[in-house]
N, C-alpha and C. Protein backbone atom coordinates (compact mmCIF):
# COMPACT_ATOMS: atom_id res chain seq x y z
N UNK A 1 108.54 126.19 133.96
CA UNK A 1 107.58 126.17 132.84
C UNK A 1 107.59 124.86 132.07
N UNK A 2 106.43 124.38 131.66
CA UNK A 2 106.31 123.12 130.96
C UNK A 2 107.05 123.21 129.61
N UNK A 3 107.56 122.07 129.11
CA UNK A 3 108.17 121.98 127.81
C UNK A 3 107.31 121.20 126.85
N UNK A 4 106.99 121.71 125.65
CA UNK A 4 106.20 120.97 124.68
C UNK A 4 106.95 120.82 123.43
N UNK A 5 106.98 119.56 122.95
CA UNK A 5 107.78 119.24 121.74
C UNK A 5 106.78 118.66 120.70
N UNK A 6 106.83 119.18 119.44
CA UNK A 6 106.04 118.63 118.41
C UNK A 6 106.97 117.84 117.51
N UNK A 7 106.76 116.49 117.41
CA UNK A 7 107.68 115.64 116.65
C UNK A 7 107.08 115.33 115.28
N UNK A 8 107.85 115.71 114.21
CA UNK A 8 107.32 115.51 112.87
C UNK A 8 108.24 114.44 112.12
N UNK A 9 107.62 113.70 111.23
CA UNK A 9 108.36 112.77 110.43
C UNK A 9 107.51 111.87 109.60
N UNK A 10 107.90 111.57 108.35
CA UNK A 10 107.06 110.74 107.45
C UNK A 10 107.06 109.31 107.84
N UNK A 11 106.15 108.48 107.29
CA UNK A 11 106.15 107.02 107.48
C UNK A 11 107.48 106.47 107.12
N UNK A 12 107.98 105.49 108.03
CA UNK A 12 109.22 104.81 107.72
C UNK A 12 110.47 105.44 108.26
N UNK A 13 110.33 106.69 108.83
CA UNK A 13 111.49 107.38 109.27
C UNK A 13 111.91 107.03 110.75
N UNK A 14 111.08 106.24 111.42
CA UNK A 14 111.41 105.87 112.79
C UNK A 14 110.96 106.80 113.89
N UNK A 15 109.91 107.61 113.53
CA UNK A 15 109.50 108.67 114.44
C UNK A 15 108.94 108.02 115.73
N UNK A 16 108.15 106.96 115.60
CA UNK A 16 107.61 106.31 116.79
C UNK A 16 108.66 105.80 117.80
N UNK A 17 109.68 105.21 117.20
CA UNK A 17 110.81 104.67 118.01
C UNK A 17 111.50 105.83 118.72
N UNK A 18 111.74 106.97 118.02
CA UNK A 18 112.44 108.10 118.60
C UNK A 18 111.56 108.82 119.68
N UNK A 19 110.23 108.81 119.41
CA UNK A 19 109.34 109.42 120.37
C UNK A 19 109.40 108.70 121.73
N UNK A 20 109.48 107.33 121.66
CA UNK A 20 109.53 106.55 122.94
C UNK A 20 110.86 106.79 123.61
N UNK A 21 111.96 106.81 122.89
CA UNK A 21 113.27 107.06 123.47
C UNK A 21 113.35 108.47 124.07
N UNK A 22 112.83 109.45 123.35
CA UNK A 22 112.78 110.85 123.81
C UNK A 22 111.96 110.92 125.12
N UNK A 23 110.84 110.26 125.17
CA UNK A 23 109.96 110.31 126.33
C UNK A 23 110.74 109.75 127.50
N UNK A 24 111.39 108.58 127.32
CA UNK A 24 112.11 107.94 128.39
C UNK A 24 113.25 108.79 128.90
N UNK A 25 113.94 109.46 127.97
CA UNK A 25 115.09 110.29 128.30
C UNK A 25 114.71 111.63 128.98
N UNK A 26 113.72 112.26 128.46
CA UNK A 26 113.32 113.57 128.98
C UNK A 26 112.35 113.51 130.17
N UNK A 27 111.67 112.29 130.28
CA UNK A 27 110.61 112.05 131.28
C UNK A 27 109.36 112.88 130.93
N UNK A 28 109.22 113.28 129.65
CA UNK A 28 107.99 113.98 129.23
C UNK A 28 106.99 112.97 128.76
N UNK A 29 105.75 113.21 128.95
CA UNK A 29 104.72 112.27 128.45
C UNK A 29 104.73 112.24 126.90
N UNK A 30 104.52 111.06 126.37
CA UNK A 30 104.42 110.92 124.87
C UNK A 30 102.94 110.79 124.55
N UNK A 31 102.44 111.76 123.79
CA UNK A 31 101.05 111.77 123.42
C UNK A 31 100.93 111.51 121.90
N UNK A 32 100.54 110.32 121.56
CA UNK A 32 100.28 109.90 120.16
C UNK A 32 98.81 110.21 119.84
N UNK A 33 98.53 111.03 118.87
CA UNK A 33 97.15 111.35 118.54
C UNK A 33 96.39 110.10 118.10
N UNK A 34 97.05 109.10 117.43
CA UNK A 34 96.40 107.93 117.05
C UNK A 34 96.00 107.09 118.27
N UNK A 35 96.91 106.97 119.23
CA UNK A 35 96.57 106.20 120.47
C UNK A 35 95.45 106.84 121.25
N UNK A 36 95.54 108.22 121.24
CA UNK A 36 94.54 109.01 121.99
C UNK A 36 93.12 108.80 121.42
N UNK A 37 93.08 108.78 120.04
CA UNK A 37 91.80 108.50 119.42
C UNK A 37 91.26 107.15 119.77
N UNK A 38 92.08 106.13 119.70
CA UNK A 38 91.72 104.77 119.93
C UNK A 38 91.22 104.64 121.39
N UNK A 39 91.92 105.33 122.31
CA UNK A 39 91.57 105.28 123.75
C UNK A 39 90.18 105.88 123.96
N UNK A 40 89.92 107.02 123.33
CA UNK A 40 88.64 107.69 123.52
C UNK A 40 87.49 106.89 122.88
N UNK A 41 87.75 106.30 121.76
CA UNK A 41 86.69 105.42 121.14
C UNK A 41 86.47 104.20 121.93
N UNK A 42 87.54 103.53 122.38
CA UNK A 42 87.38 102.34 123.20
C UNK A 42 86.63 102.62 124.52
N UNK A 43 86.99 103.69 125.17
CA UNK A 43 86.35 104.02 126.46
C UNK A 43 85.03 104.72 126.39
N UNK A 44 84.59 104.99 125.10
CA UNK A 44 83.33 105.67 124.80
C UNK A 44 83.18 106.93 125.58
N UNK A 45 84.21 107.76 125.61
CA UNK A 45 84.15 109.07 126.28
C UNK A 45 83.23 109.96 125.46
N UNK A 46 82.81 111.10 126.05
CA UNK A 46 81.99 112.00 125.33
C UNK A 46 82.64 112.45 123.95
N UNK A 47 83.97 112.75 124.05
CA UNK A 47 84.64 113.10 122.82
C UNK A 47 84.77 111.99 121.88
N UNK A 48 85.00 110.79 122.41
CA UNK A 48 85.04 109.59 121.56
C UNK A 48 83.80 109.30 120.79
N UNK A 49 82.62 109.52 121.54
CA UNK A 49 81.35 109.33 120.89
C UNK A 49 81.12 110.41 119.80
N UNK A 50 81.52 111.61 120.13
CA UNK A 50 81.36 112.69 119.14
C UNK A 50 82.23 112.41 117.91
N UNK A 51 83.44 112.01 118.10
CA UNK A 51 84.36 111.66 116.99
C UNK A 51 83.71 110.55 116.16
N UNK A 52 83.14 109.53 116.82
CA UNK A 52 82.59 108.40 116.12
C UNK A 52 81.39 108.82 115.24
N UNK A 53 80.63 109.76 115.75
CA UNK A 53 79.46 110.25 115.01
C UNK A 53 79.88 110.84 113.68
N UNK A 54 81.02 111.43 113.60
CA UNK A 54 81.56 111.96 112.27
C UNK A 54 82.12 110.83 111.44
N UNK A 55 82.85 109.99 112.10
CA UNK A 55 83.52 108.87 111.38
C UNK A 55 82.46 107.96 110.79
N UNK A 56 81.37 107.70 111.50
CA UNK A 56 80.33 106.84 110.96
C UNK A 56 79.69 107.37 109.71
N UNK A 57 79.74 108.69 109.55
CA UNK A 57 79.16 109.32 108.39
C UNK A 57 80.20 109.48 107.26
N UNK A 58 81.40 109.02 107.57
CA UNK A 58 82.51 109.13 106.58
C UNK A 58 83.04 110.52 106.46
N UNK A 59 82.84 111.29 107.52
CA UNK A 59 83.30 112.70 107.56
C UNK A 59 84.57 112.83 108.41
N UNK A 60 85.39 113.88 108.16
CA UNK A 60 86.55 114.11 108.93
C UNK A 60 86.18 114.60 110.32
N UNK A 61 86.90 114.18 111.36
CA UNK A 61 86.67 114.62 112.66
C UNK A 61 87.09 116.10 112.77
N UNK A 62 86.26 117.04 113.21
CA UNK A 62 86.63 118.46 113.29
C UNK A 62 87.81 118.64 114.22
N UNK A 63 88.60 119.71 113.93
CA UNK A 63 89.78 120.01 114.69
C UNK A 63 89.44 120.18 116.19
N UNK A 64 88.32 120.83 116.49
CA UNK A 64 87.99 121.12 117.92
C UNK A 64 87.82 119.90 118.68
N UNK A 65 87.35 118.78 118.07
CA UNK A 65 87.21 117.48 118.81
C UNK A 65 88.57 116.92 119.14
N UNK A 66 89.47 116.98 118.15
CA UNK A 66 90.82 116.43 118.41
C UNK A 66 91.54 117.29 119.45
N UNK A 67 91.44 118.62 119.31
CA UNK A 67 92.00 119.54 120.35
C UNK A 67 91.46 119.26 121.73
N UNK A 68 90.13 118.94 121.79
CA UNK A 68 89.53 118.62 123.05
C UNK A 68 90.16 117.37 123.71
N UNK A 69 90.48 116.39 122.86
CA UNK A 69 91.10 115.18 123.38
C UNK A 69 92.50 115.44 123.89
N UNK A 70 93.30 116.25 123.12
CA UNK A 70 94.62 116.64 123.53
C UNK A 70 94.60 117.43 124.83
N UNK A 71 93.64 118.39 124.89
CA UNK A 71 93.52 119.25 126.08
C UNK A 71 93.26 118.40 127.29
N UNK A 72 92.27 117.50 127.18
CA UNK A 72 91.94 116.57 128.29
C UNK A 72 93.13 115.74 128.71
N UNK A 73 93.87 115.26 127.71
CA UNK A 73 95.14 114.44 128.05
C UNK A 73 96.13 115.23 128.76
N UNK A 74 96.29 116.52 128.42
CA UNK A 74 97.27 117.38 129.06
C UNK A 74 96.97 117.72 130.52
N UNK A 75 95.71 117.48 130.91
CA UNK A 75 95.34 117.76 132.35
C UNK A 75 95.86 116.65 133.30
N UNK A 76 96.31 115.52 132.75
CA UNK A 76 96.73 114.41 133.59
C UNK A 76 98.11 114.68 134.21
N UNK A 77 98.30 114.09 135.40
CA UNK A 77 99.47 114.40 136.20
C UNK A 77 100.84 114.21 135.51
N UNK A 78 100.88 113.20 134.56
CA UNK A 78 102.13 112.91 133.90
C UNK A 78 102.55 113.99 132.85
N UNK A 79 101.62 115.00 132.64
CA UNK A 79 101.94 116.08 131.70
C UNK A 79 102.36 117.37 132.42
N UNK A 80 102.51 117.26 133.72
CA UNK A 80 102.83 118.50 134.44
C UNK A 80 104.02 119.22 133.95
N UNK A 81 105.05 118.46 133.51
CA UNK A 81 106.32 119.06 133.01
C UNK A 81 106.28 119.32 131.52
N UNK A 82 105.19 118.93 130.82
CA UNK A 82 105.11 119.09 129.43
C UNK A 82 104.85 117.75 128.68
N UNK A 83 105.01 117.78 127.39
CA UNK A 83 104.69 116.55 126.59
C UNK A 83 105.36 116.58 125.21
N UNK A 84 105.48 115.35 124.65
CA UNK A 84 105.90 115.21 123.31
C UNK A 84 104.65 114.87 122.48
N UNK A 85 104.32 115.74 121.50
CA UNK A 85 103.14 115.53 120.71
C UNK A 85 103.54 114.83 119.35
N UNK A 86 102.86 113.71 119.12
CA UNK A 86 103.26 112.89 117.98
C UNK A 86 101.94 112.66 117.13
N UNK A 87 101.90 113.22 115.90
CA UNK A 87 100.68 113.01 115.07
C UNK A 87 99.74 114.16 115.06
N UNK A 88 100.03 115.15 115.89
CA UNK A 88 99.22 116.42 115.93
C UNK A 88 100.17 117.51 116.41
N UNK A 89 100.05 118.70 115.74
CA UNK A 89 99.16 119.14 114.66
C UNK A 89 99.62 118.61 113.32
N UNK A 90 98.64 118.70 112.36
CA UNK A 90 99.00 118.28 110.94
C UNK A 90 98.89 119.44 109.97
N UNK A 91 98.27 120.56 110.38
CA UNK A 91 98.09 121.68 109.54
C UNK A 91 98.42 122.96 110.29
N UNK A 92 98.76 124.04 109.56
CA UNK A 92 99.02 125.36 110.23
C UNK A 92 97.81 125.75 111.10
N UNK A 93 96.57 125.46 110.63
CA UNK A 93 95.38 125.87 111.44
C UNK A 93 95.34 125.15 112.78
N UNK A 94 95.72 123.84 112.72
CA UNK A 94 95.78 123.07 113.95
C UNK A 94 96.91 123.57 114.86
N UNK A 95 98.04 124.04 114.20
CA UNK A 95 99.13 124.48 114.96
C UNK A 95 98.78 125.81 115.70
N UNK A 96 97.98 126.64 115.05
CA UNK A 96 97.46 127.84 115.65
C UNK A 96 96.62 127.57 116.91
N UNK A 97 95.74 126.56 116.73
CA UNK A 97 94.82 126.14 117.81
C UNK A 97 95.59 125.54 118.97
N UNK A 98 96.64 124.75 118.62
CA UNK A 98 97.47 124.13 119.65
C UNK A 98 98.22 125.22 120.47
N UNK A 99 98.77 126.24 119.79
CA UNK A 99 99.43 127.34 120.46
C UNK A 99 98.57 128.02 121.44
N UNK A 100 97.27 128.27 121.05
CA UNK A 100 96.37 129.00 121.95
C UNK A 100 96.03 128.07 123.14
N UNK A 101 95.86 126.79 122.85
CA UNK A 101 95.54 125.84 123.94
C UNK A 101 96.68 125.69 124.99
N UNK A 102 97.90 125.60 124.44
CA UNK A 102 99.05 125.46 125.32
C UNK A 102 99.23 126.66 126.28
N UNK A 103 98.80 127.87 125.75
CA UNK A 103 98.91 129.02 126.57
C UNK A 103 98.11 128.86 127.92
N UNK A 104 97.04 128.07 127.81
CA UNK A 104 96.22 127.76 129.05
C UNK A 104 97.01 126.97 130.04
N UNK A 105 98.02 126.28 129.54
CA UNK A 105 98.89 125.41 130.44
C UNK A 105 100.20 126.10 130.74
N UNK A 106 100.19 127.42 130.51
CA UNK A 106 101.40 128.26 130.75
C UNK A 106 102.58 127.75 129.92
N UNK A 107 102.37 127.37 128.70
CA UNK A 107 103.39 126.81 127.89
C UNK A 107 103.26 127.19 126.43
N UNK A 108 104.16 126.64 125.60
CA UNK A 108 104.15 126.89 124.16
C UNK A 108 104.90 125.79 123.49
N UNK A 109 104.80 125.68 122.15
CA UNK A 109 105.63 124.71 121.43
C UNK A 109 107.03 125.20 121.46
N UNK A 110 107.91 124.47 122.08
CA UNK A 110 109.34 124.94 122.29
C UNK A 110 110.22 124.42 121.20
N UNK A 111 110.05 123.15 120.78
CA UNK A 111 110.96 122.53 119.82
C UNK A 111 110.11 121.70 118.84
N UNK A 112 110.51 121.74 117.54
CA UNK A 112 109.84 120.94 116.55
C UNK A 112 110.90 120.19 115.72
N UNK A 113 111.31 119.01 116.19
CA UNK A 113 112.24 118.20 115.46
C UNK A 113 111.54 117.59 114.22
N UNK A 114 112.07 117.74 113.07
CA UNK A 114 111.54 117.18 111.81
C UNK A 114 112.53 116.10 111.31
N UNK A 115 112.21 114.82 111.55
CA UNK A 115 113.07 113.76 111.14
C UNK A 115 112.63 113.36 109.75
N UNK A 116 113.60 113.36 108.87
CA UNK A 116 113.29 113.04 107.43
C UNK A 116 114.42 112.19 106.80
N UNK A 117 114.06 111.73 105.60
CA UNK A 117 115.03 110.89 104.86
C UNK A 117 114.58 110.84 103.41
N UNK A 118 115.47 110.38 102.57
CA UNK A 118 115.11 110.24 101.11
C UNK A 118 114.00 109.25 100.93
N UNK A 119 113.17 109.48 99.92
CA UNK A 119 111.99 108.67 99.73
C UNK A 119 112.29 107.19 99.52
N UNK A 120 113.39 106.89 98.84
CA UNK A 120 113.65 105.44 98.66
C UNK A 120 113.99 104.72 99.96
N UNK A 121 114.61 105.48 100.91
CA UNK A 121 114.95 104.88 102.22
C UNK A 121 113.65 104.63 103.00
N UNK A 122 112.78 105.65 102.94
CA UNK A 122 111.45 105.56 103.66
C UNK A 122 110.69 104.36 103.17
N UNK A 123 110.62 104.19 101.81
CA UNK A 123 109.86 103.10 101.23
C UNK A 123 110.46 101.75 101.66
N UNK A 124 111.83 101.64 101.62
CA UNK A 124 112.48 100.38 101.97
C UNK A 124 112.16 100.02 103.44
N UNK A 125 112.22 101.05 104.30
CA UNK A 125 111.98 100.75 105.73
C UNK A 125 110.54 100.43 105.97
N UNK A 126 109.59 101.18 105.50
CA UNK A 126 108.16 101.03 105.77
C UNK A 126 107.56 99.83 105.12
N UNK A 127 108.12 99.46 103.92
CA UNK A 127 107.45 98.36 103.19
C UNK A 127 108.10 96.99 103.54
N UNK A 128 109.03 96.97 104.42
CA UNK A 128 109.69 95.67 104.79
C UNK A 128 109.11 95.03 106.03
N UNK A 129 108.02 95.64 106.58
CA UNK A 129 107.46 95.18 107.80
C UNK A 129 106.50 93.93 107.58
N UNK A 130 106.59 92.95 108.48
CA UNK A 130 105.72 91.78 108.40
C UNK A 130 105.27 91.60 109.83
N UNK A 131 104.03 91.14 109.97
CA UNK A 131 103.36 91.04 111.28
C UNK A 131 102.85 89.68 111.49
N UNK A 132 102.97 89.14 112.75
CA UNK A 132 102.48 87.80 113.08
C UNK A 132 100.99 87.84 113.29
N UNK A 133 100.34 86.78 112.83
CA UNK A 133 98.83 86.80 112.95
C UNK A 133 98.37 86.60 114.35
N UNK A 134 99.10 85.93 115.16
CA UNK A 134 98.57 85.58 116.51
C UNK A 134 98.59 86.80 117.47
N UNK A 135 99.70 87.45 117.60
CA UNK A 135 99.77 88.50 118.62
C UNK A 135 100.36 89.85 118.10
N UNK A 136 100.50 89.87 116.76
CA UNK A 136 100.91 91.15 116.18
C UNK A 136 102.41 91.52 116.32
N UNK A 137 103.28 90.54 116.64
CA UNK A 137 104.68 90.86 116.75
C UNK A 137 105.18 91.33 115.38
N UNK A 138 106.09 92.34 115.40
CA UNK A 138 106.54 92.94 114.13
C UNK A 138 107.90 92.60 113.80
N UNK A 139 108.18 92.25 112.51
CA UNK A 139 109.50 91.90 111.97
C UNK A 139 109.78 92.83 110.75
N UNK A 140 111.03 92.85 110.38
CA UNK A 140 111.40 93.60 109.20
C UNK A 140 112.33 92.71 108.39
N UNK A 141 112.04 92.58 107.07
CA UNK A 141 112.89 91.64 106.24
C UNK A 141 114.32 91.98 106.24
N UNK A 142 114.67 93.22 106.46
CA UNK A 142 116.10 93.66 106.40
C UNK A 142 116.61 93.89 107.85
N UNK A 143 115.91 94.67 108.62
CA UNK A 143 116.46 95.16 109.91
C UNK A 143 116.15 94.18 111.13
N UNK A 144 115.10 93.36 110.98
CA UNK A 144 114.76 92.49 112.06
C UNK A 144 114.07 91.27 111.52
N UNK A 145 114.79 90.47 110.73
CA UNK A 145 114.11 89.30 110.10
C UNK A 145 113.89 88.17 111.10
N UNK A 146 112.82 87.34 110.84
CA UNK A 146 112.59 86.19 111.73
C UNK A 146 113.64 85.11 111.45
N UNK A 147 113.88 84.22 112.41
CA UNK A 147 114.87 83.13 112.22
C UNK A 147 114.47 82.26 111.06
N UNK A 148 113.11 82.02 110.89
CA UNK A 148 112.63 81.23 109.82
C UNK A 148 111.66 82.09 109.02
N UNK A 149 111.87 82.14 107.69
CA UNK A 149 111.06 83.02 106.88
C UNK A 149 109.62 82.69 106.97
N UNK A 150 108.85 83.77 107.23
CA UNK A 150 107.34 83.61 107.26
C UNK A 150 106.79 83.06 108.56
N UNK A 151 107.65 82.84 109.59
CA UNK A 151 107.19 82.29 110.83
C UNK A 151 107.66 83.18 112.01
N UNK A 152 106.76 83.42 112.95
CA UNK A 152 107.11 84.30 114.14
C UNK A 152 107.99 83.55 115.08
N UNK A 153 109.08 84.17 115.49
CA UNK A 153 110.07 83.55 116.45
C UNK A 153 109.40 83.22 117.78
N UNK A 154 108.39 84.10 118.16
CA UNK A 154 107.90 84.05 119.52
C UNK A 154 106.72 83.13 119.72
N UNK A 155 105.84 83.03 118.71
CA UNK A 155 104.68 82.11 118.89
C UNK A 155 104.42 81.14 117.75
N UNK A 156 105.32 81.19 116.75
CA UNK A 156 105.25 80.21 115.65
C UNK A 156 104.10 80.43 114.68
N UNK A 157 103.42 81.59 114.80
CA UNK A 157 102.32 81.80 113.88
C UNK A 157 102.83 82.35 112.52
N UNK A 158 101.92 82.40 111.53
CA UNK A 158 102.28 82.83 110.20
C UNK A 158 102.56 84.38 110.23
N UNK A 159 103.53 84.85 109.43
CA UNK A 159 103.75 86.25 109.23
C UNK A 159 103.08 86.69 108.01
N UNK A 160 102.46 87.88 108.04
CA UNK A 160 101.82 88.35 106.85
C UNK A 160 102.14 89.87 106.69
N UNK A 161 101.91 90.39 105.51
CA UNK A 161 102.15 91.82 105.32
C UNK A 161 100.83 92.55 105.20
N UNK A 162 100.61 93.50 106.07
CA UNK A 162 99.43 94.32 106.11
C UNK A 162 99.39 95.16 104.82
N UNK A 163 98.15 95.48 104.41
CA UNK A 163 98.01 96.34 103.20
C UNK A 163 98.76 97.61 103.38
N UNK A 164 98.73 98.17 104.58
CA UNK A 164 99.39 99.45 104.90
C UNK A 164 100.89 99.38 104.71
N UNK A 165 101.52 98.14 104.73
CA UNK A 165 102.89 97.98 104.62
C UNK A 165 103.40 97.55 103.25
N UNK A 166 102.47 97.45 102.32
CA UNK A 166 102.85 97.08 100.95
C UNK A 166 103.43 98.33 100.22
N UNK A 167 104.35 98.08 99.23
CA UNK A 167 105.10 99.14 98.64
C UNK A 167 104.17 100.18 97.98
N UNK A 168 103.14 99.78 97.30
CA UNK A 168 102.24 100.77 96.64
C UNK A 168 101.60 101.65 97.67
N UNK A 169 101.10 101.07 98.77
CA UNK A 169 100.46 101.84 99.84
C UNK A 169 101.40 102.78 100.49
N UNK A 170 102.58 102.25 100.84
CA UNK A 170 103.58 103.04 101.53
C UNK A 170 103.99 104.26 100.68
N UNK A 171 104.18 103.99 99.44
CA UNK A 171 104.67 105.07 98.50
C UNK A 171 103.58 106.17 98.48
N UNK A 172 102.35 105.78 98.41
CA UNK A 172 101.22 106.79 98.42
C UNK A 172 101.19 107.54 99.72
N UNK A 173 101.29 106.81 100.87
CA UNK A 173 101.27 107.43 102.17
C UNK A 173 102.34 108.46 102.33
N UNK A 174 103.54 108.14 101.85
CA UNK A 174 104.69 109.09 101.92
C UNK A 174 104.40 110.36 101.13
N UNK A 175 103.95 110.11 99.95
CA UNK A 175 103.57 111.22 99.03
C UNK A 175 102.51 112.20 99.66
N UNK A 176 101.45 111.58 100.22
CA UNK A 176 100.38 112.26 100.85
C UNK A 176 100.93 113.05 102.08
N UNK A 177 101.77 112.38 102.89
CA UNK A 177 102.34 113.00 104.07
C UNK A 177 103.07 114.30 103.69
N UNK A 178 103.91 114.24 102.70
CA UNK A 178 104.68 115.45 102.32
C UNK A 178 103.81 116.50 101.83
N UNK A 179 102.81 116.14 100.98
CA UNK A 179 101.90 117.17 100.44
C UNK A 179 101.13 117.89 101.55
N UNK A 180 100.66 117.10 102.53
CA UNK A 180 99.92 117.64 103.63
C UNK A 180 100.71 118.34 104.67
N UNK A 181 101.94 117.86 104.85
CA UNK A 181 102.75 118.34 106.07
C UNK A 181 103.63 119.50 105.73
N UNK A 182 104.06 119.70 104.44
CA UNK A 182 105.00 120.75 104.15
C UNK A 182 104.57 122.12 104.61
N UNK A 183 103.25 122.52 104.50
CA UNK A 183 102.85 123.80 104.96
C UNK A 183 103.10 123.94 106.48
N UNK A 184 102.94 122.82 107.25
CA UNK A 184 103.16 122.85 108.66
C UNK A 184 104.69 122.97 108.96
N UNK A 185 105.45 122.26 108.16
CA UNK A 185 106.99 122.39 108.35
C UNK A 185 107.36 123.85 108.08
N UNK A 186 106.88 124.44 107.12
CA UNK A 186 107.25 125.86 106.81
C UNK A 186 106.69 126.82 107.90
N UNK A 187 105.58 126.46 108.41
CA UNK A 187 104.96 127.27 109.55
C UNK A 187 105.88 127.33 110.73
N UNK A 188 106.41 126.16 111.11
CA UNK A 188 107.29 126.07 112.20
C UNK A 188 108.73 126.53 111.93
N UNK A 189 109.08 126.36 110.60
CA UNK A 189 110.42 126.89 110.20
C UNK A 189 110.42 128.45 110.39
N UNK A 190 109.33 129.04 109.95
CA UNK A 190 109.30 130.57 110.08
C UNK A 190 109.34 130.99 111.56
N UNK A 191 108.81 130.18 112.44
CA UNK A 191 108.82 130.51 113.84
C UNK A 191 110.17 130.32 114.51
N UNK A 192 111.13 129.71 113.77
CA UNK A 192 112.47 129.45 114.28
C UNK A 192 112.55 128.25 115.27
N UNK A 193 111.45 127.43 115.28
CA UNK A 193 111.48 126.31 116.24
C UNK A 193 111.76 124.96 115.54
N UNK A 194 111.81 124.96 114.22
CA UNK A 194 112.02 123.71 113.48
C UNK A 194 113.51 123.34 113.48
N UNK A 195 113.77 122.01 113.77
CA UNK A 195 115.11 121.50 113.70
C UNK A 195 115.10 120.25 112.81
N UNK A 196 115.75 120.29 111.72
CA UNK A 196 115.76 119.12 110.78
C UNK A 196 116.80 118.10 111.21
N UNK A 197 116.36 116.81 111.30
CA UNK A 197 117.26 115.75 111.75
C UNK A 197 117.32 114.74 110.58
N UNK A 198 118.54 114.27 110.27
CA UNK A 198 118.67 113.26 109.21
C UNK A 198 118.29 111.91 109.72
N UNK A 199 117.18 111.44 109.30
CA UNK A 199 116.64 110.14 109.73
C UNK A 199 117.21 108.93 108.98
N UNK A 200 118.15 109.19 108.03
CA UNK A 200 118.73 108.09 107.34
C UNK A 200 119.81 107.39 108.17
N UNK A 201 120.20 108.07 109.26
CA UNK A 201 121.25 107.54 110.11
C UNK A 201 120.77 106.39 110.97
N UNK A 202 121.69 105.74 111.73
CA UNK A 202 121.28 104.68 112.61
C UNK A 202 120.40 105.22 113.75
N UNK A 203 119.64 104.44 114.37
CA UNK A 203 118.70 104.90 115.45
C UNK A 203 119.46 105.67 116.52
N UNK A 204 120.61 105.17 116.93
CA UNK A 204 121.32 105.80 118.08
C UNK A 204 121.87 107.17 117.62
N UNK A 205 122.27 107.31 116.36
CA UNK A 205 122.77 108.61 115.82
C UNK A 205 121.60 109.60 115.78
N UNK A 206 120.45 109.19 115.36
CA UNK A 206 119.28 110.07 115.32
C UNK A 206 118.96 110.56 116.70
N UNK A 207 118.91 109.60 117.66
CA UNK A 207 118.62 110.01 118.99
C UNK A 207 119.62 111.01 119.51
N UNK A 208 120.89 110.76 119.23
CA UNK A 208 121.98 111.70 119.66
C UNK A 208 121.72 113.07 119.10
N UNK A 209 121.36 113.18 117.83
CA UNK A 209 121.10 114.46 117.20
C UNK A 209 119.88 115.13 117.81
N UNK A 210 118.93 114.40 118.06
CA UNK A 210 117.63 114.90 118.67
C UNK A 210 117.91 115.53 120.05
N UNK A 211 118.60 114.74 120.87
CA UNK A 211 118.90 115.27 122.21
C UNK A 211 119.82 116.46 122.22
N UNK A 212 120.74 116.46 121.26
CA UNK A 212 121.69 117.62 121.15
C UNK A 212 120.95 118.86 120.72
N UNK A 213 119.93 118.68 119.81
CA UNK A 213 119.14 119.84 119.35
C UNK A 213 118.28 120.39 120.45
N UNK A 214 117.75 119.50 121.34
CA UNK A 214 116.94 119.92 122.46
C UNK A 214 117.77 120.65 123.53
N UNK A 215 118.98 120.22 123.70
CA UNK A 215 119.82 120.87 124.69
C UNK A 215 120.16 122.35 124.27
N UNK A 216 120.32 122.53 122.95
CA UNK A 216 120.59 123.88 122.48
C UNK A 216 119.39 124.79 122.73
C-alpha cells in the first residue's frame, strides 16, 4: 500500500529542507503545491489555464482545481509508492477532499509531521535570507553568510533582500500561517496522525526525529 505524508511547518522552520531530505531517504515523491502551481501555469495545462482565470480576476483558486493538480501529479510513475505533500492541504475542508482522493489511489494520509519552533526563532531564520540578483543563490546572514558582505560567492553579483524576507513581512506571514493552519493541525491531531517535531534543533536532529517518528 502507498504511503502518504502531509508535512506541516511555518515559514522559517526549515520544512523545505526536511522535505527534500525525507524524499531522498524514503524514496517517496516530494510534491510541493507551490511548484505544482508554477509547473501548470508555465506549461499552460488545462488546470493551469483554469487557475490563471481565477488569479487574473484576483480571486482565490477553488479547492477542486488544486485537488485536480494534485490528483494528476499522483498518477505519475514516481508516486507509485506514495508521496510527501508539502503546502497542501491548508484547511480541514481540503484535508477531507484529500482523504477522499487518496482513497482512489488505495491510500490515506498516514503521517502528519508538524515541525514548529518559537516565533522569535522563525523570524530570525526567515528574515536573515539574502538572494543574489544574477542567479538567485541564497545566503543567510547567520547560518550561511557570504565571504564578502553583500556579494555572491559564486557569481559576484549584488545580494539583496526580497520583500518576502524582510522582518515585517516574515512576522506577518508567520502570524497568518498559525491563524490559518491551527484548525488543520487540530484536525490531524484528532485523527491521531499528527507528530510534533521541535524545529528549533539542528537540521540533522530534526531529520533524526522525523525518521524516528515515521518508523513508529
